[in-house]
């Protein structure tokens, strides 16, 4: 990492959590090829596939609370 990048990182890490989260989101967005039609088409196809699986009964949905509880259980040491 170059010195200017290291300095920028140090300054970013000194920001409040909310500002760091917003900055991280913007940086990730800058790497996301949202203008790439093939990516958009692939995500659309995936969304439609998932929708169809739910509608057909092949996949069951779970509530956000159930999902969060499962994740927290998996992440416990």
Protein backbone atom coordinates (compact mmCIF):
# COMPACT_ATOMS: atom_id res chain seq x y z
CA UNK A 1 0.00 0.00 0.00
CA UNK A 2 1.37 3.41 -0.90
CA UNK A 3 2.01 6.00 1.78
CA UNK A 4 -0.89 8.24 0.66
CA UNK A 5 -3.20 5.21 0.78
CA UNK A 6 -1.92 4.26 4.25
CA UNK A 7 -2.49 7.81 5.46
CA UNK A 8 -5.98 7.85 3.99
CA UNK A 9 -6.74 4.52 5.69
CA UNK A 10 -5.58 5.87 9.05
CA UNK A 11 -7.80 8.93 8.64
CA UNK A 12 -10.75 6.78 7.57
CA UNK A 13 -10.33 4.49 10.57
CA UNK A 14 -10.48 7.51 12.87
CA UNK A 15 -13.97 8.39 11.61
CA UNK A 16 -17.08 7.50 13.61
CA UNK A 17 -18.55 4.07 12.86
CA UNK A 18 -21.46 5.45 10.84
CA UNK A 19 -19.14 7.49 8.61
CA UNK A 20 -16.81 4.49 8.14
CA UNK A 21 -19.76 2.32 7.12
CA UNK A 22 -20.92 4.90 4.60
CA UNK A 23 -17.39 5.24 3.21
CA UNK A 24 -16.99 1.46 2.95
CA UNK A 25 -20.29 1.18 1.13
CA UNK A 26 -19.29 3.85 -1.37
CA UNK A 27 -15.91 2.20 -1.96
CA UNK A 28 -17.51 -1.19 -2.58
CA UNK A 29 -20.05 0.42 -4.91
CA UNK A 30 -17.19 1.92 -6.90
CA UNK A 31 -15.93 -1.62 -7.57
CA UNK A 32 -19.36 -2.95 -8.54
CA UNK A 33 -19.87 -3.17 -12.32
CA UNK A 34 -23.53 -2.10 -12.16
CA UNK A 35 -23.36 -0.84 -15.73
CA UNK A 36 -22.37 -4.27 -16.99
CA UNK A 37 -25.41 -5.68 -18.80
CA UNK A 38 -24.25 -9.29 -18.40
CA UNK A 39 -24.09 -8.88 -14.62
CA UNK A 40 -27.54 -7.28 -14.53
CA UNK A 41 -28.95 -10.09 -16.70
CA UNK A 42 -27.36 -12.76 -14.50
CA UNK A 43 -28.83 -11.24 -11.33
CA UNK A 44 -32.24 -10.90 -12.96
CA UNK A 45 -32.15 -14.57 -13.99
CA UNK A 46 -31.09 -15.56 -10.46
CA UNK A 47 -33.88 -13.51 -8.88
CA UNK A 48 -36.47 -15.07 -11.19
CA UNK A 49 -35.13 -18.56 -10.50
CA UNK A 50 -35.37 -17.99 -6.75
CA UNK A 51 -38.86 -16.53 -7.08
CA UNK A 52 -39.99 -19.55 -9.07
CA UNK A 53 -38.53 -21.96 -6.49
CA UNK A 54 -40.47 -20.25 -3.71
CA UNK A 55 -43.69 -20.15 -5.73
CA UNK A 56 -43.41 -23.84 -6.67
CA UNK A 57 -42.80 -24.88 -3.05
CA UNK A 58 -39.34 -26.24 -3.82
CA UNK A 59 -37.90 -23.76 -1.32
CA UNK A 60 -39.45 -22.66 1.96
CA UNK A 61 -38.97 -19.15 3.22
CA UNK A 62 -37.99 -18.34 6.79
CA UNK A 63 -38.60 -15.18 8.76
CA UNK A 64 -35.85 -12.64 9.30
CA UNK A 65 -35.95 -13.43 13.02
CA UNK A 66 -35.42 -17.15 12.41
CA UNK A 67 -32.63 -16.46 9.95
CA UNK A 68 -30.90 -14.04 12.34
CA UNK A 69 -31.14 -16.56 15.19
CA UNK A 70 -29.57 -19.28 13.03
CA UNK A 71 -26.73 -17.00 11.99
CA UNK A 72 -26.07 -15.90 15.57
CA UNK A 73 -26.02 -19.55 16.65
CA UNK A 74 -23.49 -20.39 13.93
CA UNK A 75 -21.26 -17.46 14.85
CA UNK A 76 -21.08 -18.23 18.57
CA UNK A 77 -17.64 -19.43 19.71
